[in-house]
Amino acid sequence: MLRAFTHTVDGQFQTFSANDGAYNRERFFGQNAELAVLAASLSDEEIDRLRCGGHDVGKLHAAYAKALAHRGQPTV
């Protein structure tokens, strides 16, 4: 699964998020037999409810706090 996530670009994740479990079963879990086995016991509805992550709230807060504390030059 890690290999599949590593080789999936952001645009593909957005496409998976915009589609249903049947689509994701075919396109993501259908990449190879190992992934298909992982999804075999899940319904399309359960696959639809899976979330592949997102922004880490702790990291966002730390970056924002660091940007606020930075002085003397612009912060990106």
N, C-alpha and C. Protein backbone atom coordinates (compact mmCIF):
# COMPACT_ATOMS: atom_id res chain seq x y z
N MET A 1 0.82 -1.17 0.00
CA MET A 1 0.00 0.00 0.00
C MET A 1 0.88 1.25 0.00
N LEU A 2 1.95 1.22 0.77
CA LEU A 2 2.85 2.38 0.81
C LEU A 2 3.39 2.69 -0.58
N ARG A 3 3.76 1.67 -1.31
CA ARG A 3 4.27 1.86 -2.67
C ARG A 3 3.19 2.50 -3.56
N ALA A 4 1.96 2.06 -3.42
CA ALA A 4 0.87 2.63 -4.23
C ALA A 4 0.65 4.10 -3.87
N PHE A 5 0.67 4.42 -2.57
CA PHE A 5 0.51 5.81 -2.16
C PHE A 5 1.67 6.67 -2.67
N THR A 6 2.87 6.13 -2.61
CA THR A 6 4.06 6.86 -3.04
C THR A 6 4.01 7.18 -4.54
N HIS A 7 3.44 6.27 -5.30
CA HIS A 7 3.39 6.46 -6.75
C HIS A 7 2.11 7.13 -7.23
N THR A 8 1.28 7.56 -6.32
CA THR A 8 0.04 8.25 -6.68
C THR A 8 0.26 9.76 -6.52
N VAL A 9 0.06 10.50 -7.60
CA VAL A 9 0.27 11.94 -7.55
C VAL A 9 -0.97 12.63 -6.98
N ASP A 10 -0.78 13.89 -6.58
CA ASP A 10 -1.85 14.64 -5.92
C ASP A 10 -3.12 14.70 -6.76
N GLY A 11 -2.99 14.91 -8.04
CA GLY A 11 -4.17 14.97 -8.90
C GLY A 11 -4.96 13.68 -8.89
N GLN A 12 -4.28 12.54 -8.81
CA GLN A 12 -4.97 11.27 -8.72
C GLN A 12 -5.72 11.15 -7.40
N PHE A 13 -5.11 11.60 -6.30
CA PHE A 13 -5.80 11.57 -5.01
C PHE A 13 -7.06 12.43 -5.07
N GLN A 14 -6.98 13.57 -5.73
CA GLN A 14 -8.15 14.43 -5.86
C GLN A 14 -9.25 13.73 -6.66
N THR A 15 -8.84 13.02 -7.72
CA THR A 15 -9.80 12.27 -8.52
C THR A 15 -10.43 11.17 -7.69
N PHE A 16 -9.63 10.46 -6.90
CA PHE A 16 -10.19 9.40 -6.04
C PHE A 16 -11.18 9.99 -5.04
N SER A 17 -10.85 11.15 -4.48
CA SER A 17 -11.74 11.78 -3.51
C SER A 17 -13.06 12.20 -4.13
N ALA A 18 -13.03 12.53 -5.40
CA ALA A 18 -14.23 13.01 -6.09
C ALA A 18 -15.10 11.88 -6.61
N ASN A 19 -14.62 10.64 -6.52
CA ASN A 19 -15.37 9.51 -7.05
C ASN A 19 -15.78 8.57 -5.93
N ASP A 20 -16.56 7.56 -6.29
CA ASP A 20 -17.12 6.65 -5.28
C ASP A 20 -16.23 5.43 -5.05
N GLY A 21 -16.67 4.59 -4.14
CA GLY A 21 -15.90 3.41 -3.76
C GLY A 21 -15.66 2.43 -4.90
N ALA A 22 -16.64 2.27 -5.77
CA ALA A 22 -16.47 1.36 -6.91
C ALA A 22 -15.35 1.84 -7.83
N TYR A 23 -15.33 3.13 -8.08
CA TYR A 23 -14.26 3.71 -8.90
C TYR A 23 -12.90 3.49 -8.24
N ASN A 24 -12.83 3.75 -6.94
CA ASN A 24 -11.56 3.61 -6.23
C ASN A 24 -11.13 2.15 -6.11
N ARG A 25 -12.10 1.25 -5.98
CA ARG A 25 -11.76 -0.18 -5.95
C ARG A 25 -11.09 -0.56 -7.26
N GLU A 26 -11.68 -0.13 -8.37
CA GLU A 26 -11.14 -0.49 -9.68
C GLU A 26 -9.81 0.20 -9.96
N ARG A 27 -9.73 1.52 -9.71
CA ARG A 27 -8.56 2.29 -10.13
C ARG A 27 -7.40 2.25 -9.12
N PHE A 28 -7.69 2.33 -7.80
CA PHE A 28 -6.61 2.32 -6.83
C PHE A 28 -6.30 0.89 -6.37
N PHE A 29 -7.30 0.23 -5.83
CA PHE A 29 -7.05 -1.12 -5.31
C PHE A 29 -6.88 -2.15 -6.42
N GLY A 30 -7.25 -1.80 -7.63
CA GLY A 30 -7.07 -2.70 -8.75
C GLY A 30 -5.70 -2.63 -9.39
N GLN A 31 -4.81 -1.84 -8.82
CA GLN A 31 -3.45 -1.69 -9.37
C GLN A 31 -2.68 -3.00 -9.37
N ASN A 32 -2.90 -3.80 -8.34
CA ASN A 32 -2.21 -5.09 -8.27
C ASN A 32 -2.98 -6.04 -7.35
N ALA A 33 -2.59 -7.29 -7.38
CA ALA A 33 -3.32 -8.33 -6.63
C ALA A 33 -3.27 -8.11 -5.12
N GLU A 34 -2.14 -7.62 -4.60
CA GLU A 34 -2.02 -7.40 -3.16
C GLU A 34 -3.02 -6.35 -2.67
N LEU A 35 -3.16 -5.26 -3.41
CA LEU A 35 -4.13 -4.23 -3.03
C LEU A 35 -5.56 -4.75 -3.16
N ALA A 36 -5.81 -5.52 -4.19
CA ALA A 36 -7.15 -6.09 -4.38
C ALA A 36 -7.54 -6.97 -3.20
N VAL A 37 -6.60 -7.73 -2.68
CA VAL A 37 -6.86 -8.57 -1.51
C VAL A 37 -7.19 -7.71 -0.30
N LEU A 38 -6.48 -6.60 -0.12
CA LEU A 38 -6.75 -5.70 1.00
C LEU A 38 -8.17 -5.14 0.96
N ALA A 39 -8.66 -4.89 -0.24
CA ALA A 39 -9.99 -4.28 -0.38
C ALA A 39 -11.10 -5.30 -0.53
N ALA A 40 -10.76 -6.57 -0.66
CA ALA A 40 -11.76 -7.59 -0.95
C ALA A 40 -12.86 -7.68 0.11
N SER A 41 -12.52 -7.46 1.37
CA SER A 41 -13.51 -7.59 2.43
C SER A 41 -14.28 -6.29 2.68
N LEU A 42 -13.96 -5.23 1.95
CA LEU A 42 -14.62 -3.94 2.12
C LEU A 42 -15.70 -3.75 1.06
N SER A 43 -16.82 -3.19 1.48
CA SER A 43 -17.85 -2.83 0.51
C SER A 43 -17.43 -1.56 -0.21
N ASP A 44 -18.08 -1.27 -1.33
CA ASP A 44 -17.78 -0.03 -2.04
C ASP A 44 -18.06 1.18 -1.14
N GLU A 45 -19.09 1.08 -0.30
CA GLU A 45 -19.41 2.18 0.62
C GLU A 45 -18.29 2.38 1.64
N GLU A 46 -17.74 1.28 2.16
CA GLU A 46 -16.62 1.39 3.12
C GLU A 46 -15.39 2.00 2.45
N ILE A 47 -15.14 1.61 1.22
CA ILE A 47 -14.00 2.19 0.49
C ILE A 47 -14.24 3.68 0.27
N ASP A 48 -15.48 4.04 -0.02
CA ASP A 48 -15.82 5.44 -0.23
C ASP A 48 -15.55 6.28 1.02
N ARG A 49 -15.69 5.69 2.20
CA ARG A 49 -15.47 6.43 3.45
C ARG A 49 -14.02 6.48 3.89
N LEU A 50 -13.14 5.73 3.22
CA LEU A 50 -11.71 5.77 3.56
C LEU A 50 -11.15 7.15 3.24
N ARG A 51 -10.28 7.62 4.09
CA ARG A 51 -9.63 8.91 3.86
C ARG A 51 -8.13 8.68 3.77
N CYS A 52 -7.51 9.32 2.81
CA CYS A 52 -6.07 9.09 2.60
C CYS A 52 -5.20 10.14 3.27
N GLY A 53 -5.76 10.90 4.14
CA GLY A 53 -4.94 11.85 4.88
C GLY A 53 -5.33 13.27 4.57
N GLY A 54 -4.40 14.12 4.72
CA GLY A 54 -4.65 15.53 4.50
C GLY A 54 -3.61 16.34 5.23
N HIS A 55 -3.94 17.56 5.50
CA HIS A 55 -3.00 18.43 6.19
C HIS A 55 -2.89 18.03 7.66
N ASP A 56 -1.68 17.99 8.16
CA ASP A 56 -1.42 17.68 9.56
C ASP A 56 -1.63 18.96 10.37
N VAL A 57 -2.66 18.96 11.21
CA VAL A 57 -3.03 20.16 11.97
C VAL A 57 -1.87 20.64 12.85
N GLY A 58 -1.15 19.73 13.46
CA GLY A 58 -0.01 20.10 14.30
C GLY A 58 1.07 20.82 13.52
N LYS A 59 1.36 20.31 12.32
CA LYS A 59 2.39 20.95 11.48
C LYS A 59 1.92 22.31 10.98
N LEU A 60 0.65 22.41 10.64
CA LEU A 60 0.12 23.71 10.20
C LEU A 60 0.23 24.75 11.31
N HIS A 61 -0.14 24.35 12.52
CA HIS A 61 -0.07 25.27 13.66
C HIS A 61 1.38 25.69 13.92
N ALA A 62 2.30 24.74 13.89
CA ALA A 62 3.70 25.05 14.14
C ALA A 62 4.26 26.00 13.08
N ALA A 63 3.91 25.77 11.81
CA ALA A 63 4.39 26.65 10.74
C ALA A 63 3.80 28.05 10.89
N TYR A 64 2.53 28.12 11.22
CA TYR A 64 1.88 29.43 11.40
C TYR A 64 2.51 30.18 12.57
N ALA A 65 2.72 29.48 13.69
CA ALA A 65 3.33 30.11 14.87
C ALA A 65 4.74 30.61 14.55
N LYS A 66 5.50 29.82 13.81
CA LYS A 66 6.85 30.22 13.43
C LYS A 66 6.82 31.44 12.51
N ALA A 67 5.86 31.47 11.57
CA ALA A 67 5.74 32.61 10.66
C ALA A 67 5.36 33.88 11.43
N LEU A 68 4.48 33.76 12.41
CA LEU A 68 4.09 34.91 13.22
C LEU A 68 5.25 35.45 14.04
N ALA A 69 6.09 34.57 14.52
CA ALA A 69 7.20 34.98 15.38
C ALA A 69 8.39 35.53 14.59
N HIS A 70 8.44 35.25 13.30
CA HIS A 70 9.55 35.68 12.46
C HIS A 70 9.51 37.20 12.24
N ARG A 71 10.64 37.85 12.39
CA ARG A 71 10.72 39.32 12.26
C ARG A 71 11.85 39.69 11.31
N GLY A 72 11.70 40.86 10.69
CA GLY A 72 12.80 41.43 9.93
C GLY A 72 12.78 41.16 8.43
N GLN A 73 11.94 40.26 7.96
CA GLN A 73 11.86 39.99 6.54
C GLN A 73 10.55 39.27 6.25
N PRO A 74 10.14 39.25 4.99
CA PRO A 74 8.90 38.56 4.63
C PRO A 74 8.99 37.06 4.93
N THR A 75 7.84 36.49 5.18
CA THR A 75 7.77 35.05 5.44
C THR A 75 6.87 34.40 4.42
N VAL A 76 7.27 33.27 3.91
CA VAL A 76 6.46 32.54 2.95
C VAL A 76 5.68 31.47 3.67
